[in-house]
Amino acid sequence: MATLYESIENEKISSLVFPKSDVLSKNEAIIQRISELKLALSFGNLDYFKIKIYFEDNQSKKVVEAKVCGVTNKRVILTHGIGIPINRIYRTFKFYT
């Protein structure tokens, strides 16, 4: 059965609570996530593509469509300086607008 992700607006992310644990347990998946985030940053900086980011807070799994403006060691920075902890992200997906 497919996992459902609740769609959330970019502006509401700052009010979410994020646990410190990682949502991924396999090293290969963690490496893939970092690769996807670097690619998402390139798309955001070059062409203003929005990216779907699948993540989980302390309540449920969520998805947001946003432009990635930065990636630090611990967070993904979206427009307006909103951040999501990297360890709470499952994956990203580029789509065309």
C-alpha atoms as a PDB file:
ATOM      1  CA  MET A   1       0.000   0.000   0.000  1.00  0.00           C
ATOM      2  CA  ALA A   2       1.340   3.453  -0.910  1.00  0.00           C
ATOM      3  CA  THR A   3       2.213   5.894   1.836  1.00  0.00           C
ATOM      4  CA  LEU A   4       0.168   9.068   1.699  1.00  0.00           C
ATOM      5  CA  TYR A   5       1.823  12.431   2.220  1.00  0.00           C
ATOM      6  CA  GLU A   6      -0.170  15.437   3.387  1.00  0.00           C
ATOM      7  CA  SER A   7       0.431  18.476   1.199  1.00  0.00           C
ATOM      8  CA  ILE A   8       1.591  21.522   3.155  1.00  0.00           C
ATOM      9  CA  GLU A   9       2.210  25.151   2.234  1.00  0.00           C
ATOM     10  CA  ASN A  10       5.792  26.386   2.397  1.00  0.00           C
ATOM     11  CA  GLU A  11       4.880  29.086   4.941  1.00  0.00           C
ATOM     12  CA  LYS A  12       3.497  26.568   7.463  1.00  0.00           C
ATOM     13  CA  ILE A  13       6.716  24.568   7.759  1.00  0.00           C
ATOM     14  CA  SER A  14       8.231  26.971  10.288  1.00  0.00           C
ATOM     15  CA  SER A  15       5.540  25.995  12.817  1.00  0.00           C
ATOM     16  CA  LEU A  16       6.286  22.252  12.586  1.00  0.00           C
ATOM     17  CA  VAL A  17       8.211  20.264  15.201  1.00  0.00           C
ATOM     18  CA  PHE A  18      10.947  17.954  13.929  1.00  0.00           C
ATOM     19  CA  PRO A  19      12.370  15.051  15.958  1.00  0.00           C
ATOM     20  CA  LYS A  20      16.154  14.592  15.933  1.00  0.00           C
ATOM     21  CA  SER A  21      16.079  11.009  14.594  1.00  0.00           C
ATOM     22  CA  ASP A  22      16.667  10.244  10.922  1.00  0.00           C
ATOM     23  CA  VAL A  23      13.741   8.974   8.843  1.00  0.00           C
ATOM     24  CA  LEU A  24      16.144   6.872   6.753  1.00  0.00           C
ATOM     25  CA  SER A  25      18.024   3.906   8.152  1.00  0.00           C
ATOM     26  CA  LYS A  26      19.994   2.587   5.167  1.00  0.00           C
ATOM     27  CA  ASN A  27      23.280   4.268   4.288  1.00  0.00           C
ATOM     28  CA  GLU A  28      22.539   3.985   0.549  1.00  0.00           C
ATOM     29  CA  ALA A  29      19.262   5.882   1.006  1.00  0.00           C
ATOM     30  CA  ILE A  30      21.013   8.612   2.998  1.00  0.00           C
ATOM     31  CA  ILE A  31      23.629   9.024   0.252  1.00  0.00           C
ATOM     32  CA  GLN A  32      20.866   9.152  -2.378  1.00  0.00           C
ATOM     33  CA  ARG A  33      19.044  11.837  -0.373  1.00  0.00           C
ATOM     34  CA  ILE A  34      22.148  14.060  -0.313  1.00  0.00           C
ATOM     35  CA  SER A  35      22.593  13.627  -4.080  1.00  0.00           C
ATOM     36  CA  GLU A  36      18.953  14.552  -4.693  1.00  0.00           C
ATOM     37  CA  LEU A  37      19.246  17.631  -2.460  1.00  0.00           C
ATOM     38  CA  LYS A  38      22.351  18.863  -4.290  1.00  0.00           C
ATOM     39  CA  LEU A  39      20.538  18.408  -7.592  1.00  0.00           C
ATOM     40  CA  ALA A  40      17.477  20.219  -6.211  1.00  0.00           C
ATOM     41  CA  LEU A  41      19.699  23.140  -5.221  1.00  0.00           C
ATOM     42  CA  SER A  42      21.125  23.287  -8.746  1.00  0.00           C
ATOM     43  CA  PHE A  43      17.648  23.315 -10.268  1.00  0.00           C
ATOM     44  CA  GLY A  44      16.508  26.016  -7.873  1.00  0.00           C
ATOM     45  CA  ASN A  45      19.496  28.262  -8.530  1.00  0.00           C
ATOM     46  CA  LEU A  46      19.641  27.812 -12.280  1.00  0.00           C
ATOM     47  CA  ASP A  47      16.080  27.808 -13.448  1.00  0.00           C
ATOM     48  CA  TYR A  48      13.705  28.396 -10.534  1.00  0.00           C
ATOM     49  CA  PHE A  49      12.322  24.879 -10.706  1.00  0.00           C
ATOM     50  CA  LYS A  50      10.159  23.837  -7.826  1.00  0.00           C
ATOM     51  CA  ILE A  51      10.934  20.571  -6.101  1.00  0.00           C
ATOM     52  CA  LYS A  52       8.632  18.224  -4.242  1.00  0.00           C
ATOM     53  CA  ILE A  53      10.187  17.440  -0.875  1.00  0.00           C
ATOM     54  CA  TYR A  54       8.830  14.429   0.996  1.00  0.00           C
ATOM     55  CA  PHE A  55       9.481  14.683   4.724  1.00  0.00           C
ATOM     56  CA  GLU A  56       8.126  13.860   8.163  1.00  0.00           C
ATOM     57  CA  ASP A  57       7.592  16.017  11.249  1.00  0.00           C
ATOM     58  CA  ASN A  58       6.503  14.743  14.675  1.00  0.00           C
ATOM     59  CA  GLN A  59       2.916  14.246  13.473  1.00  0.00           C
ATOM     60  CA  SER A  60       2.812  12.842   9.945  1.00  0.00           C
ATOM     61  CA  LYS A  61       4.418  12.519   6.526  1.00  0.00           C
ATOM     62  CA  LYS A  62       4.174  15.648   4.405  1.00  0.00           C
ATOM     63  CA  VAL A  63       5.093  16.964   0.969  1.00  0.00           C
ATOM     64  CA  VAL A  64       5.849  20.540  -0.046  1.00  0.00           C
ATOM     65  CA  GLU A  65       6.425  22.055  -3.471  1.00  0.00           C
ATOM     66  CA  ALA A  66       9.107  24.705  -3.141  1.00  0.00           C
ATOM     67  CA  LYS A  67      12.282  26.172  -4.582  1.00  0.00           C
ATOM     68  CA  VAL A  68      15.451  25.020  -2.818  1.00  0.00           C
ATOM     69  CA  CYS A  69      17.621  28.076  -2.134  1.00  0.00           C
ATOM     70  CA  GLY A  70      20.324  26.447  -0.040  1.00  0.00           C
ATOM     71  CA  VAL A  71      21.593  23.239   1.517  1.00  0.00           C
ATOM     72  CA  THR A  72      23.683  23.215   4.706  1.00  0.00           C
ATOM     73  CA  ASN A  73      25.060  20.242   6.625  1.00  0.00           C
ATOM     74  CA  LYS A  74      21.818  19.993   8.586  1.00  0.00           C
ATOM     75  CA  ARG A  75      19.058  21.842   6.750  1.00  0.00           C
ATOM     76  CA  VAL A  76      17.499  22.489   3.384  1.00  0.00           C
ATOM     77  CA  ILE A  77      16.660  26.161   2.987  1.00  0.00           C
ATOM     78  CA  LEU A  78      13.545  27.032   0.991  1.00  0.00           C
ATOM     79  CA  THR A  79      12.311  30.431  -0.153  1.00  0.00           C
ATOM     80  CA  HIS A  80      11.817  33.002   2.630  1.00  0.00           C
ATOM     81  CA  GLY A  81      14.509  31.263   4.705  1.00  0.00           C
ATOM     82  CA  ILE A  82      12.268  28.385   5.745  1.00  0.00           C
ATOM     83  CA  GLY A  83      14.234  25.262   6.624  1.00  0.00           C
ATOM     84  CA  ILE A  84      13.632  21.530   6.868  1.00  0.00           C
ATOM     85  CA  PRO A  85      16.112  19.309   8.721  1.00  0.00           C
ATOM     86  CA  ILE A  86      17.835  17.013   6.221  1.00  0.00           C
ATOM     87  CA  ASN A  87      17.456  14.022   8.543  1.00  0.00           C
ATOM     88  CA  ARG A  88      13.656  14.346   8.277  1.00  0.00           C
ATOM     89  CA  ILE A  89      13.573  14.243   4.453  1.00  0.00           C
ATOM     90  CA  TYR A  90      12.762  11.004   2.641  1.00  0.00           C
ATOM     91  CA  ARG A  91      13.378  12.147  -0.910  1.00  0.00           C
ATOM     92  CA  THR A  92      12.959  14.965  -3.424  1.00  0.00           C
ATOM     93  CA  PHE A  93      11.442  15.058  -6.879  1.00  0.00           C
ATOM     94  CA  LYS A  94      11.830  17.697  -9.598  1.00  0.00           C
ATOM     95  CA  PHE A  95       8.839  18.676 -11.634  1.00  0.00           C
ATOM     96  CA  TYR A  96       8.275  21.326 -14.276  1.00  0.00           C
ATOM     97  CA  THR A  97       6.090  24.376 -13.694  1.00  0.00           C
END
